[in-house]
């Protein structure tokens, strides 16, 4: 069996890295969306609480 060329190794590493990015991308995307949603809800909740306390 021959030793694989450097180009073959690079290509395989590139494929592995692309696959890992694909696997990680969607959970990260969901986390950022959820984080933005929490900030928005927190902001609205503070406003409504201020209005209730002002009465």
Protein backbone atom coordinates (compact mmCIF):
# COMPACT_ATOMS: atom_id res chain seq x y z
CA UNK A 1 0.00 0.00 0.00
CA UNK A 2 1.36 3.38 -0.97
CA UNK A 3 1.60 6.37 1.27
CA UNK A 4 -1.09 8.95 0.30
CA UNK A 5 0.10 12.16 -1.28
CA UNK A 6 0.08 15.43 0.58
CA UNK A 7 -2.67 16.78 -1.69
CA UNK A 8 -4.89 13.79 -0.86
CA UNK A 9 -4.37 14.35 2.85
CA UNK A 10 -5.19 18.05 2.47
CA UNK A 11 -8.36 17.26 0.54
CA UNK A 12 -9.49 14.77 3.17
CA UNK A 13 -8.81 17.26 5.95
CA UNK A 14 -10.76 19.94 4.07
CA UNK A 15 -13.69 17.54 3.71
CA UNK A 16 -13.60 16.70 7.42
CA UNK A 17 -13.51 20.38 8.39
CA UNK A 18 -16.38 21.24 6.06
CA UNK A 19 -18.44 18.39 7.49
CA UNK A 20 -17.76 19.52 11.06
CA UNK A 21 -18.79 23.09 10.17
CA UNK A 22 -21.99 21.74 8.66
CA UNK A 23 -22.74 19.78 11.84
CA UNK A 24 -22.03 22.76 14.11
CA UNK A 25 -23.65 25.50 12.04
CA UNK A 26 -27.33 24.77 12.66
CA UNK A 27 -27.15 24.41 16.47
CA UNK A 28 -25.13 27.63 16.63
CA UNK A 29 -27.66 29.39 14.41
CA UNK A 30 -30.49 28.22 16.66
CA UNK A 31 -28.63 29.36 19.78
CA UNK A 32 -28.08 32.86 18.40
CA UNK A 33 -31.73 33.17 17.36
CA UNK A 34 -32.88 32.02 20.80
CA UNK A 35 -30.50 34.47 22.47
CA UNK A 36 -31.93 37.38 20.46
CA UNK A 37 -35.47 36.27 21.31
CA UNK A 38 -34.66 36.13 25.04
CA UNK A 39 -33.21 39.65 24.95
CA UNK A 40 -36.32 40.92 23.17
CA UNK A 41 -38.67 39.25 25.68
CA UNK A 42 -36.60 40.52 28.59
CA UNK A 43 -36.82 44.08 27.22
CA UNK A 44 -40.61 43.89 26.81
CA UNK A 45 -41.05 42.33 30.26
CA UNK A 46 -39.13 45.17 31.92
CA UNK A 47 -41.31 47.77 30.17
CA UNK A 48 -44.56 46.11 31.22
CA UNK A 49 -43.31 45.74 34.79
CA UNK A 50 -42.41 49.45 34.88
CA UNK A 51 -45.89 50.34 33.64
CA UNK A 52 -47.54 48.16 36.29
CA UNK A 53 -45.46 49.66 39.08
CA UNK A 54 -46.18 53.23 37.91
CA UNK A 55 -49.93 52.83 38.47
